[in-house]
PDB file of N, CA and C in Angstrom:
ATOM      1  N   MET A   1     -24.934 -17.860  57.148  1.00  0.00           N
ATOM      2  CA  MET A   1     -25.093 -18.678  58.334  1.00  0.00           C
ATOM      3  C   MET A   1     -26.114 -18.037  59.279  1.00  0.00           C
ATOM      4  N   ARG A   2     -25.965 -16.700  59.451  1.00  0.00           N
ATOM      5  CA  ARG A   2     -26.885 -15.992  60.340  1.00  0.00           C
ATOM      6  C   ARG A   2     -28.316 -16.138  59.848  1.00  0.00           C
ATOM      7  N   GLU A   3     -28.522 -15.980  58.530  1.00  0.00           N
ATOM      8  CA  GLU A   3     -29.868 -16.085  57.961  1.00  0.00           C
ATOM      9  C   GLU A   3     -30.442 -17.486  58.157  1.00  0.00           C
ATOM     10  N   ALA A   4     -29.588 -18.498  57.986  1.00  0.00           N
ATOM     11  CA  ALA A   4     -30.062 -19.873  58.160  1.00  0.00           C
ATOM     12  C   ALA A   4     -30.492 -20.116  59.605  1.00  0.00           C
ATOM     13  N   LEU A   5     -29.707 -19.626  60.552  1.00  0.00           N
ATOM     14  CA  LEU A   5     -30.069 -19.799  61.964  1.00  0.00           C
ATOM     15  C   LEU A   5     -31.352 -19.049  62.292  1.00  0.00           C
ATOM     16  N   GLU A   6     -31.452 -17.812  61.782  1.00  0.00           N
ATOM     17  CA  GLU A   6     -32.657 -17.032  62.038  1.00  0.00           C
ATOM     18  C   GLU A   6     -33.889 -17.686  61.413  1.00  0.00           C
ATOM     19  N   ALA A   7     -33.711 -18.330  60.249  1.00  0.00           N
ATOM     20  CA  ALA A   7     -34.830 -19.010  59.590  1.00  0.00           C
ATOM     21  C   ALA A   7     -35.370 -20.147  60.449  1.00  0.00           C
ATOM     22  N   HIS A   8     -34.505 -20.687  61.322  1.00  0.00           N
ATOM     23  CA  HIS A   8     -34.926 -21.779  62.209  1.00  0.00           C
ATOM     24  C   HIS A   8     -35.243 -21.284  63.608  1.00  0.00           C
ATOM     25  N   GLY A   9     -35.422 -19.938  63.726  1.00  0.00           N
ATOM     26  CA  GLY A   9     -35.844 -19.382  65.015  1.00  0.00           C
ATOM     27  C   GLY A   9     -34.724 -19.162  66.004  1.00  0.00           C
ATOM     28  N   CYS A  10     -33.482 -19.200  65.547  1.00  0.00           N
ATOM     29  CA  CYS A  10     -32.356 -19.005  66.460  1.00  0.00           C
ATOM     30  C   CYS A  10     -31.876 -17.554  66.364  1.00  0.00           C
ATOM     31  N   ASP A  11     -32.100 -16.782  67.431  1.00  0.00           N
ATOM     32  CA  ASP A  11     -31.622 -15.405  67.505  1.00  0.00           C
ATOM     33  C   ASP A  11     -30.288 -15.438  68.248  1.00  0.00           C
ATOM     34  N   LEU A  12     -29.208 -15.277  67.517  1.00  0.00           N
ATOM     35  CA  LEU A  12     -27.879 -15.412  68.111  1.00  0.00           C
ATOM     36  C   LEU A  12     -27.659 -14.468  69.283  1.00  0.00           C
ATOM     37  N   ALA A  13     -28.039 -13.215  69.125  1.00  0.00           N
ATOM     38  CA  ALA A  13     -27.831 -12.251  70.200  1.00  0.00           C
ATOM     39  C   ALA A  13     -28.579 -12.683  71.456  1.00  0.00           C
ATOM     40  N   GLU A  14     -29.799 -13.134  71.293  1.00  0.00           N
ATOM     41  CA  GLU A  14     -30.596 -13.580  72.438  1.00  0.00           C
ATOM     42  C   GLU A  14     -30.014 -14.843  73.048  1.00  0.00           C
ATOM     43  N   GLN A  15     -29.534 -15.756  72.219  1.00  0.00           N
ATOM     44  CA  GLN A  15     -28.916 -16.993  72.718  1.00  0.00           C
ATOM     45  C   GLN A  15     -27.672 -16.682  73.550  1.00  0.00           C
ATOM     46  N   ILE A  16     -26.854 -15.768  73.044  1.00  0.00           N
ATOM     47  CA  ILE A  16     -25.627 -15.402  73.761  1.00  0.00           C
ATOM     48  C   ILE A  16     -25.981 -14.713  75.072  1.00  0.00           C
ATOM     49  N   ALA A  17     -26.925 -13.779  75.023  1.00  0.00           N
ATOM     50  CA  ALA A  17     -27.351 -13.088  76.247  1.00  0.00           C
ATOM     51  C   ALA A  17     -27.900 -14.095  77.256  1.00  0.00           C
ATOM     52  N   GLY A  18     -28.643 -15.063  76.772  1.00  0.00           N
ATOM     53  CA  GLY A  18     -29.188 -16.093  77.661  1.00  0.00           C
ATOM     54  C   GLY A  18     -28.076 -16.901  78.326  1.00  0.00           C
ATOM     55  N   LEU A  19     -27.052 -17.249  77.580  1.00  0.00           N
ATOM     56  CA  LEU A  19     -25.921 -17.984  78.164  1.00  0.00           C
ATOM     57  C   LEU A  19     -25.218 -17.148  79.232  1.00  0.00           C
ATOM     58  N   LEU A  20     -25.060 -15.868  78.964  1.00  0.00           N
ATOM     59  CA  LEU A  20     -24.367 -14.998  79.923  1.00  0.00           C
ATOM     60  C   LEU A  20     -25.190 -14.779  81.191  1.00  0.00           C
ATOM     61  N   ARG A  21     -26.525 -14.816  81.076  1.00  0.00           N
ATOM     62  CA  ARG A  21     -27.393 -14.631  82.245  1.00  0.00           C
ATOM     63  C   ARG A  21     -27.612 -15.936  83.026  1.00  0.00           C
ATOM     64  N   ASP A  22     -27.360 -17.044  82.391  1.00  0.00           N
ATOM     65  CA  ASP A  22     -27.640 -18.346  83.014  1.00  0.00           C
ATOM     66  C   ASP A  22     -26.677 -18.611  84.169  1.00  0.00           C
ATOM     67  N   PRO A  23     -27.191 -18.733  85.396  1.00  0.00           N
ATOM     68  CA  PRO A  23     -26.310 -18.968  86.553  1.00  0.00           C
ATOM     69  C   PRO A  23     -25.640 -20.349  86.518  1.00  0.00           C
ATOM     70  N   GLU A  24     -26.169 -21.274  85.727  1.00  0.00           N
ATOM     71  CA  GLU A  24     -25.570 -22.607  85.669  1.00  0.00           C
ATOM     72  C   GLU A  24     -24.368 -22.683  84.730  1.00  0.00           C
ATOM     73  N   VAL A  25     -24.212 -21.670  83.871  1.00  0.00           N
ATOM     74  CA  VAL A  25     -23.049 -21.633  82.979  1.00  0.00           C
ATOM     75  C   VAL A  25     -21.890 -21.073  83.784  1.00  0.00           C
ATOM     76  N   GLU A  26     -20.781 -21.804  83.792  1.00  0.00           N
ATOM     77  CA  GLU A  26     -19.627 -21.413  84.607  1.00  0.00           C
ATOM     78  C   GLU A  26     -18.989 -20.111  84.091  1.00  0.00           C
ATOM     79  N   THR A  27     -18.469 -19.346  85.023  1.00  0.00           N
ATOM     80  CA  THR A  27     -17.869 -18.054  84.705  1.00  0.00           C
ATOM     81  C   THR A  27     -16.727 -18.171  83.686  1.00  0.00           C
ATOM     82  N   PRO A  28     -15.834 -19.169  83.787  1.00  0.00           N
ATOM     83  CA  PRO A  28     -14.778 -19.260  82.768  1.00  0.00           C
ATOM     84  C   PRO A  28     -15.324 -19.438  81.346  1.00  0.00           C
ATOM     85  N   LEU A  29     -16.436 -20.146  81.211  1.00  0.00           N
ATOM     86  CA  LEU A  29     -17.046 -20.330  79.896  1.00  0.00           C
ATOM     87  C   LEU A  29     -17.627 -19.012  79.395  1.00  0.00           C
ATOM     88  N   LYS A  30     -18.250 -18.245  80.303  1.00  0.00           N
ATOM     89  CA  LYS A  30     -18.775 -16.936  79.936  1.00  0.00           C
ATOM     90  C   LYS A  30     -17.634 -16.012  79.503  1.00  0.00           C
ATOM     91  N   ALA A  31     -16.550 -16.031  80.259  1.00  0.00           N
ATOM     92  CA  ALA A  31     -15.400 -15.182  79.926  1.00  0.00           C
ATOM     93  C   ALA A  31     -14.818 -15.591  78.571  1.00  0.00           C
ATOM     94  N   ASP A  32     -14.737 -16.888  78.315  1.00  0.00           N
ATOM     95  CA  ASP A  32     -14.219 -17.376  77.030  1.00  0.00           C
ATOM     96  C   ASP A  32     -15.121 -16.926  75.882  1.00  0.00           C
ATOM     97  N   LEU A  33     -16.418 -17.015  76.090  1.00  0.00           N
ATOM     98  CA  LEU A  33     -17.385 -16.604  75.083  1.00  0.00           C
ATOM     99  C   LEU A  33     -17.231 -15.113  74.775  1.00  0.00           C
ATOM    100  N   LEU A  34     -17.167 -14.301  75.817  1.00  0.00           N
ATOM    101  CA  LEU A  34     -17.012 -12.859  75.619  1.00  0.00           C
ATOM    102  C   LEU A  34     -15.679 -12.525  74.956  1.00  0.00           C
ATOM    103  N   THR A  35     -14.616 -13.194  75.378  1.00  0.00           N
ATOM    104  CA  THR A  35     -13.296 -12.939  74.804  1.00  0.00           C
ATOM    105  C   THR A  35     -13.282 -13.228  73.308  1.00  0.00           C
ATOM    106  N   LYS A  36     -13.996 -14.238  72.908  1.00  0.00           N
ATOM    107  CA  LYS A  36     -14.020 -14.594  71.489  1.00  0.00           C
ATOM    108  C   LYS A  36     -14.977 -13.726  70.678  1.00  0.00           C
ATOM    109  N   LEU A  37     -16.048 -13.227  71.280  1.00  0.00           N
ATOM    110  CA  LEU A  37     -17.038 -12.453  70.543  1.00  0.00           C
ATOM    111  C   LEU A  37     -16.768 -10.948  70.516  1.00  0.00           C
ATOM    112  N   LEU A  38     -16.170 -10.414  71.565  1.00  0.00           N
ATOM    113  CA  LEU A  38     -15.971  -8.966  71.634  1.00  0.00           C
ATOM    114  C   LEU A  38     -15.186  -8.392  70.452  1.00  0.00           C
ATOM    115  N   PRO A  39     -14.146  -9.068  69.937  1.00  0.00           N
ATOM    116  CA  PRO A  39     -13.449  -8.489  68.779  1.00  0.00           C
ATOM    117  C   PRO A  39     -14.347  -8.306  67.553  1.00  0.00           C
ATOM    118  N   TYR A  40     -15.427  -9.070  67.460  1.00  0.00           N
ATOM    119  CA  TYR A  40     -16.340  -8.905  66.331  1.00  0.00           C
ATOM    120  C   TYR A  40     -17.294  -7.730  66.558  1.00  0.00           C
ATOM    121  N   LEU A  41     -17.598  -7.467  67.818  1.00  0.00           N
ATOM    122  CA  LEU A  41     -18.479  -6.351  68.140  1.00  0.00           C
ATOM    123  C   LEU A  41     -17.722  -5.034  68.207  1.00  0.00           C
ATOM    124  N   TYR A  42     -16.514  -5.096  68.744  1.00  0.00           N
ATOM    125  CA  TYR A  42     -15.674  -3.906  68.911  1.00  0.00           C
ATOM    126  C   TYR A  42     -14.275  -4.219  68.374  1.00  0.00           C
ATOM    127  N   PRO A  43     -14.078  -4.079  67.065  1.00  0.00           N
ATOM    128  CA  PRO A  43     -12.773  -4.413  66.485  1.00  0.00           C
ATOM    129  C   PRO A  43     -11.663  -3.572  67.105  1.00  0.00           C
ATOM    130  N   GLN A  44     -10.492  -4.190  67.207  1.00  0.00           N
ATOM    131  CA  GLN A  44      -9.336  -3.504  67.763  1.00  0.00           C
ATOM    132  C   GLN A  44      -8.914  -2.388  66.815  1.00  0.00           C
ATOM    133  N   LEU A  45      -8.613  -1.237  67.375  1.00  0.00           N
ATOM    134  CA  LEU A  45      -8.187  -0.109  66.566  1.00  0.00           C
ATOM    135  C   LEU A  45      -6.773  -0.329  66.057  1.00  0.00           C
ATOM    136  N   LYS A  46      -6.540   0.132  64.848  1.00  0.00           N
ATOM    137  CA  LYS A  46      -5.209   0.027  64.262  1.00  0.00           C
ATOM    138  C   LYS A  46      -4.287   1.007  64.984  1.00  0.00           C
ATOM    139  N   PRO A  47      -3.086   0.576  65.345  1.00  0.00           N
ATOM    140  CA  PRO A  47      -2.175   1.504  66.006  1.00  0.00           C
ATOM    141  C   PRO A  47      -1.772   2.637  65.067  1.00  0.00           C
ATOM    142  N   ILE A  48      -1.544   3.799  65.635  1.00  0.00           N
ATOM    143  CA  ILE A  48      -1.121   4.950  64.846  1.00  0.00           C
ATOM    144  C   ILE A  48       0.339   4.787  64.487  1.00  0.00           C
ATOM    145  N   ASP A  49       0.649   4.995  63.223  1.00  0.00           N
ATOM    146  CA  ASP A  49       2.027   4.914  62.743  1.00  0.00           C
ATOM    147  C   ASP A  49       2.681   6.277  62.936  1.00  0.00           C
ATOM    148  N   PRO A  50       3.596   6.418  63.919  1.00  0.00           N
ATOM    149  CA  PRO A  50       4.202   7.729  64.155  1.00  0.00           C
ATOM    150  C   PRO A  50       5.018   8.218  62.966  1.00  0.00           C
ATOM    151  N   GLU A  51       5.455   7.304  62.109  1.00  0.00           N
ATOM    152  CA  GLU A  51       6.217   7.721  60.939  1.00  0.00           C
ATOM    153  C   GLU A  51       5.313   8.320  59.873  1.00  0.00           C
ATOM    154  N   GLY A  52       4.006   8.135  60.019  1.00  0.00           N
ATOM    155  CA  GLY A  52       3.065   8.686  59.051  1.00  0.00           C
ATOM    156  C   GLY A  52       2.779  10.161  59.286  1.00  0.00           C
ATOM    157  N   TYR A  53       3.248  10.696  60.400  1.00  0.00           N
ATOM    158  CA  TYR A  53       3.015  12.097  60.722  1.00  0.00           C
ATOM    159  C   TYR A  53       4.341  12.837  60.738  1.00  0.00           C
ATOM    160  N   LEU A  54       4.320  14.052  60.255  1.00  0.00           N
ATOM    161  CA  LEU A  54       5.525  14.866  60.218  1.00  0.00           C
ATOM    162  C   LEU A  54       5.424  15.985  61.236  1.00  0.00           C
ATOM    163  N   SER A  55       6.562  16.303  61.832  1.00  0.00           N
ATOM    164  CA  SER A  55       6.601  17.482  62.689  1.00  0.00           C
ATOM    165  C   SER A  55       6.597  18.709  61.781  1.00  0.00           C
ATOM    166  N   PRO A  56       6.259  19.865  62.318  1.00  0.00           N
ATOM    167  CA  PRO A  56       6.304  21.077  61.484  1.00  0.00           C
ATOM    168  C   PRO A  56       7.689  21.310  60.866  1.00  0.00           C
ATOM    169  N   GLU A  57       8.725  20.987  61.614  1.00  0.00           N
ATOM    170  CA  GLU A  57      10.083  21.173  61.093  1.00  0.00           C
ATOM    171  C   GLU A  57      10.347  20.230  59.919  1.00  0.00           C
ATOM    172  N   GLN A  58       9.892  18.981  60.051  1.00  0.00           N
ATOM    173  CA  GLN A  58      10.079  18.015  58.960  1.00  0.00           C
ATOM    174  C   GLN A  58       9.293  18.440  57.725  1.00  0.00           C
ATOM    175  N   ALA A  59       8.063  18.892  57.924  1.00  0.00           N
ATOM    176  CA  ALA A  59       7.244  19.329  56.790  1.00  0.00           C
ATOM    177  C   ALA A  59       7.879  20.529  56.104  1.00  0.00           C
ATOM    178  N   ALA A  60       8.381  21.491  56.891  1.00  0.00           N
ATOM    179  CA  ALA A  60       9.038  22.663  56.304  1.00  0.00           C
ATOM    180  C   ALA A  60      10.273  22.239  55.516  1.00  0.00           C
ATOM    181  N   GLY A  61      11.031  21.291  56.041  1.00  0.00           N
ATOM    182  CA  GLY A  61      12.215  20.799  55.334  1.00  0.00           C
ATOM    183  C   GLY A  61      11.842  20.147  54.012  1.00  0.00           C
ATOM    184  N   MET A  62      10.768  19.367  54.028  1.00  0.00           N
ATOM    185  CA  MET A  62      10.328  18.724  52.790  1.00  0.00           C
ATOM    186  C   MET A  62       9.855  19.749  51.770  1.00  0.00           C
ATOM    187  N   LEU A  63       9.116  20.757  52.242  1.00  0.00           N
ATOM    188  CA  LEU A  63       8.652  21.805  51.330  1.00  0.00           C
ATOM    189  C   LEU A  63       9.833  22.569  50.746  1.00  0.00           C
ATOM    190  N   GLY A  64      10.816  22.844  51.593  1.00  0.00           N
ATOM    191  CA  GLY A  64      12.014  23.540  51.111  1.00  0.00           C
ATOM    192  C   GLY A  64      12.736  22.718  50.055  1.00  0.00           C
ATOM    193  N   ALA A  65      12.825  21.407  50.279  1.00  0.00           N
ATOM    194  CA  ALA A  65      13.484  20.530  49.303  1.00  0.00           C
ATOM    195  C   ALA A  65      12.699  20.508  47.991  1.00  0.00           C
ATOM    196  N   GLN A  66      11.371  20.484  48.081  1.00  0.00           N
ATOM    197  CA  GLN A  66      10.554  20.505  46.864  1.00  0.00           C
ATOM    198  C   GLN A  66      10.712  21.828  46.123  1.00  0.00           C
ATOM    199  N   ALA A  67      10.781  22.926  46.884  1.00  0.00           N
ATOM    200  CA  ALA A  67      10.964  24.236  46.252  1.00  0.00           C
ATOM    201  C   ALA A  67      12.304  24.286  45.520  1.00  0.00           C
ATOM    202  N   THR A  68      13.328  23.712  46.125  1.00  0.00           N
ATOM    203  CA  THR A  68      14.653  23.686  45.487  1.00  0.00           C
ATOM    204  C   THR A  68      14.608  22.856  44.205  1.00  0.00           C
ATOM    205  N   LYS A  69      13.957  21.713  44.247  1.00  0.00           N
ATOM    206  CA  LYS A  69      13.833  20.874  43.043  1.00  0.00           C
ATOM    207  C   LYS A  69      13.069  21.617  41.950  1.00  0.00           C
ATOM    208  N   PHE A  70      12.013  22.325  42.329  1.00  0.00           N
ATOM    209  CA  PHE A  70      11.228  23.077  41.358  1.00  0.00           C
ATOM    210  C   PHE A  70      12.077  24.180  40.736  1.00  0.00           C
ATOM    211  N   ARG A  71      12.823  24.890  41.578  1.00  0.00           N
ATOM    212  CA  ARG A  71      13.682  25.965  41.081  1.00  0.00           C
ATOM    213  C   ARG A  71      14.730  25.404  40.114  1.00  0.00           C
ATOM    214  N   ASP A  72      15.317  24.254  40.472  1.00  0.00           N
ATOM    215  CA  ASP A  72      16.311  23.621  39.589  1.00  0.00           C
ATOM    216  C   ASP A  72      15.691  23.209  38.258  1.00  0.00           C
ATOM    217  N   ALA A  73      14.458  22.672  38.315  1.00  0.00           N
ATOM    218  CA  ALA A  73      13.774  22.270  37.082  1.00  0.00           C
ATOM    219  C   ALA A  73      13.486  23.485  36.209  1.00  0.00           C
ATOM    220  N   LEU A  74      13.110  24.589  36.820  1.00  0.00           N
ATOM    221  CA  LEU A  74      12.881  25.817  36.054  1.00  0.00           C
ATOM    222  C   LEU A  74      14.152  26.224  35.312  1.00  0.00           C
ATOM    223  N   HIS A  75      15.265  26.147  35.993  1.00  0.00           N
ATOM    224  CA  HIS A  75      16.533  26.536  35.361  1.00  0.00           C
ATOM    225  C   HIS A  75      16.896  25.596  34.202  1.00  0.00           C
ATOM    226  N   ARG A  76      16.478  24.335  34.292  1.00  0.00           N
ATOM    227  CA  ARG A  76      16.769  23.391  33.203  1.00  0.00           C
ATOM    228  C   ARG A  76      15.901  23.648  31.981  1.00  0.00           C
ATOM    229  N   TYR A  77      14.634  24.041  32.215  1.00  0.00           N
ATOM    230  CA  TYR A  77      13.693  24.134  31.098  1.00  0.00           C
ATOM    231  C   TYR A  77      13.392  25.565  30.635  1.00  0.00           C
ATOM    232  N   VAL A  78      13.748  26.543  31.437  1.00  0.00           N
ATOM    233  CA  VAL A  78      13.506  27.935  31.060  1.00  0.00           C
ATOM    234  C   VAL A  78      14.862  28.643  31.051  1.00  0.00           C
ATOM    235  N   SER A  79      15.225  29.184  29.908  1.00  0.00           N
ATOM    236  CA  SER A  79      16.557  29.776  29.799  1.00  0.00           C
ATOM    237  C   SER A  79      16.590  31.245  30.189  1.00  0.00           C
ATOM    238  N   ASP A  80      15.458  31.897  30.185  1.00  0.00           N
ATOM    239  CA  ASP A  80      15.411  33.323  30.463  1.00  0.00           C
ATOM    240  C   ASP A  80      15.318  33.570  31.970  1.00  0.00           C
ATOM    241  N   ALA A  81      16.329  34.226  32.541  1.00  0.00           N
ATOM    242  CA  ALA A  81      16.369  34.474  33.982  1.00  0.00           C
ATOM    243  C   ALA A  81      15.208  35.350  34.438  1.00  0.00           C
ATOM    244  N   ALA A  82      14.790  36.298  33.617  1.00  0.00           N
ATOM    245  CA  ALA A  82      13.677  37.178  33.980  1.00  0.00           C
ATOM    246  C   ALA A  82      12.381  36.373  34.108  1.00  0.00           C
ATOM    247  N   THR A  83      12.184  35.405  33.218  1.00  0.00           N
ATOM    248  CA  THR A  83      10.981  34.561  33.274  1.00  0.00           C
ATOM    249  C   THR A  83      10.995  33.717  34.548  1.00  0.00           C
ATOM    250  N   ILE A  84      12.151  33.169  34.870  1.00  0.00           N
ATOM    251  CA  ILE A  84      12.270  32.362  36.099  1.00  0.00           C
ATOM    252  C   ILE A  84      11.932  33.221  37.317  1.00  0.00           C
ATOM    253  N   THR A  85      12.486  34.421  37.367  1.00  0.00           N
ATOM    254  CA  THR A  85      12.225  35.325  38.491  1.00  0.00           C
ATOM    255  C   THR A  85      10.748  35.652  38.584  1.00  0.00           C
ATOM    256  N   ARG A  86      10.102  35.914  37.446  1.00  0.00           N
ATOM    257  CA  ARG A  86       8.682  36.245  37.433  1.00  0.00           C
ATOM    258  C   ARG A  86       7.844  35.055  37.925  1.00  0.00           C
ATOM    259  N   ILE A  87       8.178  33.861  37.474  1.00  0.00           N
ATOM    260  CA  ILE A  87       7.438  32.659  37.913  1.00  0.00           C
ATOM    261  C   ILE A  87       7.578  32.480  39.423  1.00  0.00           C
ATOM    262  N   LEU A  88       8.814  32.589  39.932  1.00  0.00           N
ATOM    263  CA  LEU A  88       9.029  32.421  41.369  1.00  0.00           C
ATOM    264  C   LEU A  88       8.334  33.514  42.177  1.00  0.00           C
ATOM    265  N   ASP A  89       8.345  34.744  41.661  1.00  0.00           N
ATOM    266  CA  ASP A  89       7.643  35.841  42.337  1.00  0.00           C
ATOM    267  C   ASP A  89       6.135  35.581  42.361  1.00  0.00           C
ATOM    268  N   ASP A  90       5.594  35.110  41.232  1.00  0.00           N
ATOM    269  CA  ASP A  90       4.158  34.795  41.177  1.00  0.00           C
ATOM    270  C   ASP A  90       3.801  33.694  42.176  1.00  0.00           C
ATOM    271  N   LEU A  91       4.639  32.681  42.254  1.00  0.00           N
ATOM    272  CA  LEU A  91       4.396  31.595  43.215  1.00  0.00           C
ATOM    273  C   LEU A  91       4.460  32.111  44.645  1.00  0.00           C
ATOM    274  N   HIS A  92       5.420  32.992  44.890  1.00  0.00           N
ATOM    275  CA  HIS A  92       5.541  33.546  46.237  1.00  0.00           C
ATOM    276  C   HIS A  92       4.284  34.328  46.610  1.00  0.00           C
ATOM    277  N   VAL A  93       3.763  35.104  45.677  1.00  0.00           N
ATOM    278  CA  VAL A  93       2.536  35.867  45.930  1.00  0.00           C
ATOM    279  C   VAL A  93       1.365  34.923  46.164  1.00  0.00           C
ATOM    280  N   LEU A  94       1.264  33.877  45.341  1.00  0.00           N
ATOM    281  CA  LEU A  94       0.148  32.933  45.476  1.00  0.00           C
ATOM    282  C   LEU A  94       0.191  32.161  46.781  1.00  0.00           C
ATOM    283  N   THR A  95       1.374  31.927  47.302  1.00  0.00           N
ATOM    284  CA  THR A  95       1.500  31.096  48.502  1.00  0.00           C
ATOM    285  C   THR A  95       1.728  31.893  49.768  1.00  0.00           C
ATOM    286  N   SER A  96       1.742  33.210  49.670  1.00  0.00           N
ATOM    287  CA  SER A  96       1.952  34.009  50.883  1.00  0.00           C
ATOM    288  C   SER A  96       0.658  34.059  51.689  1.00  0.00           C
ATOM    289  N   PRO A  97       0.774  34.201  52.999  1.00  0.00           N
ATOM    290  CA  PRO A  97      -0.434  34.282  53.834  1.00  0.00           C
ATOM    291  C   PRO A  97      -1.310  35.477  53.469  1.00  0.00           C
ATOM    292  N   ARG A  98      -0.726  36.528  52.923  1.00  0.00           N
ATOM    293  CA  ARG A  98      -1.508  37.700  52.542  1.00  0.00           C
ATOM    294  C   ARG A  98      -2.436  37.391  51.371  1.00  0.00           C
ATOM    295  N   ALA A  99      -2.121  36.306  50.604  1.00  0.00           N
ATOM    296  CA  ALA A  99      -2.978  35.947  49.470  1.00  0.00           C
ATOM    297  C   ALA A  99      -4.333  35.418  49.947  1.00  0.00           C
ATOM    298  N   GLY A 100      -4.407  35.097  51.246  1.00  0.00           N
ATOM    299  CA  GLY A 100      -5.684  34.651  51.807  1.00  0.00           C
ATOM    300  C   GLY A 100      -6.003  33.195  51.542  1.00  0.00           C
ATOM    301  N   ASN A 101      -5.031  32.431  51.070  1.00  0.00           N
ATOM    302  CA  ASN A 101      -5.308  31.021  50.796  1.00  0.00           C
ATOM    303  C   ASN A 101      -4.835  30.105  51.914  1.00  0.00           C
ATOM    304  N   GLY A 102      -4.205  30.669  52.933  1.00  0.00           N
ATOM    305  CA  GLY A 102      -3.817  29.856  54.087  1.00  0.00           C
ATOM    306  C   GLY A 102      -2.587  29.011  53.868  1.00  0.00           C
ATOM    307  N   VAL A 103      -1.927  29.143  52.736  1.00  0.00           N
ATOM    308  CA  VAL A 103      -0.743  28.345  52.448  1.00  0.00           C
ATOM    309  C   VAL A 103       0.476  29.128  52.881  1.00  0.00           C
ATOM    310  N   SER A 104       1.416  28.466  53.500  1.00  0.00           N
ATOM    311  CA  SER A 104       2.640  29.129  53.953  1.00  0.00           C
ATOM    312  C   SER A 104       3.509  29.489  52.758  1.00  0.00           C
ATOM    313  N   PRO A 105       4.323  30.538  52.885  1.00  0.00           N
ATOM    314  CA  PRO A 105       5.197  30.910  51.787  1.00  0.00           C
ATOM    315  C   PRO A 105       6.237  29.855  51.502  1.00  0.00           C
ATOM    316  N   VAL A 106       6.658  29.793  50.247  1.00  0.00           N
ATOM    317  CA  VAL A 106       7.668  28.811  49.828  1.00  0.00           C
ATOM    318  C   VAL A 106       9.020  29.303  50.223  1.00  0.00           C
TER     319      VAL A 106
END
């Protein structure tokens, strides 16, 4: 539509600006025009979903729950207690702040 109008010499932005500058166009019509066009120029921002963000306490709780599930899965699939201990120790080393990776310990 825009291309067709431009092909016939109609510059929409200039036409709208001209209407807004025209003293003979009534203010309510100008306000209506702006009210209808502004959402296309400046779309409304999506509201932030507070449920999409976790507090540090909630995140720690979730990580703890995941660690427990992982530990339980290890016990189901690995029968040797020494191997389980070694795996958990290795994970602890990998996730400790001293490892330099910035990940909190499990």
